Amino acid sequence: MGAAAGETFPEIREAVRRLCAQFPGAYWRALDRDRIYPTEFVTALTEAGFLSVLIPEAYGGSGLGLAAATAVLEEIHRSGCNGGACHAQMYTMGALLRHGSEAQKQAYLPRIASGDLRLQAFGVTEPTAGTDTTRISTFARREGDSYFVTGQKLWISRAEHSDLMILLCRTTAREDAAKPTAGMSVLLVDMREAVGRGLTINPVRTMLNHATTELFFDNLEVPAANLIGEEGKGFGYILDGMNAERILIAAECIGDAKFFIDRASAYATEREVFGRPIGQNQGVQFPIARAYVQMTAASLMVDKAATMFDASETCGTEANMAKLVASEASWFAADTCLQTHGGFGFAEEYDIERKFRETRLYQVAPISTNLILSHVGTHVLGMPKSF
């Protein structure tokens, strides 16, 4: 699985492949069986500097753009590994980098870049709000030099494996705010101090090993010095992070699709039934070829979105579309790969059923397909809003 002609960042990709070769399928199967966090893998990525590519050199990172980060995550997933355990370490710090004070950036970014601090928890989603972020109700009440946070968050990945969390909460009730998106603020929460002092973390077991949790806040005290940017403007601060997240996850889906296409085409060439390779049959060959076509087209959309993000162009629509087409390409490739392998595809040792479960997530998270279609229908095509 060497570098392909025309690939971006070939040196980065080759280095990621070499690192991932140290974490074969057996490593991931053992973790998956008992829902264990891949600490050794995350440590190796951190020490190699792959998780700090977006942090400027002045703060100890590589100072590269989102396009470089997409190359890292794509190769992780093509290698059969899973970047979901740590991808937030790349983009979650964006709110701090773009909107934090210089003192905050100096205090945290170098230690995030070195891996001394993990900032990979992004506290936005709530059980009663879902994707309608304006309806979050977790509230931070200001008293003197502190905020006191009360509320609940759900589907917060990696909370048990993060030192810090970017938390979006209301500082003005929705009904009292000038508009639904106003009155939200971003706090940087030190998880190490918070647990047991107003923060409770409950793991949520799911169909894949994603280390997701539910969080309960009961008058958790957070220093007012940990407010990022201005009070009440937090919704705008997290939008850039959401676009980066969608583009990076789209790149993971491209990597997943390549993993499935690699496996399916190899198996179809080697596996003989009725005295001939099954890949000689168009019913087997053509779906794999179609998966490759869809993956290639989706990859171009991801590249376009990342290029626009790096040029500081408005790219919400492109980020959404990239995530939609990439997640659907990876799912088609996954289904095709499983079908190609027949019964063997369901056996754990082939790693296909694990990756099949992992890639299915991305049509739901971090934003569902229907919400993306709604965005395109109303914001691009000018049709009436459906909600």
Foldseek 3Di string as FASTA:
>chain_A
DADDPPDPPRVLLVVLLVLLVVCALVNQLVCWVVLHQPVVSVVSCLQVQLQQQCPCVVLPHVNDFLVSNLSNLLSCLLRLHHCLSANQLNQVCQLCVPFADPVSCNVPRNCSRNVVFGERWEFQADPVCGPVSLPAAFEWEDDPQKTFTFDKGWFTFCLVPGQKYWHKHFPDHCVPDPHSLWRIWIFIDGSVVQDPQFKDWAFDDDPTSGRTTMIGGDRGIGGNSRTTHDGGNHSVSCPLSVLSVLLSVLSNLLSLLSNLLVLLVVQQQPDDDPHHRNCVDCVLVVLSVVLVVLSVVLVVLSVVLRVCVRVVHDRPLSSLVSLLSSLVSSQSSLVSSLVSVDPVCPDSVVSSVNSNVVSNCSCPPPHHPVVSVQCCVCVVVNDDRPD
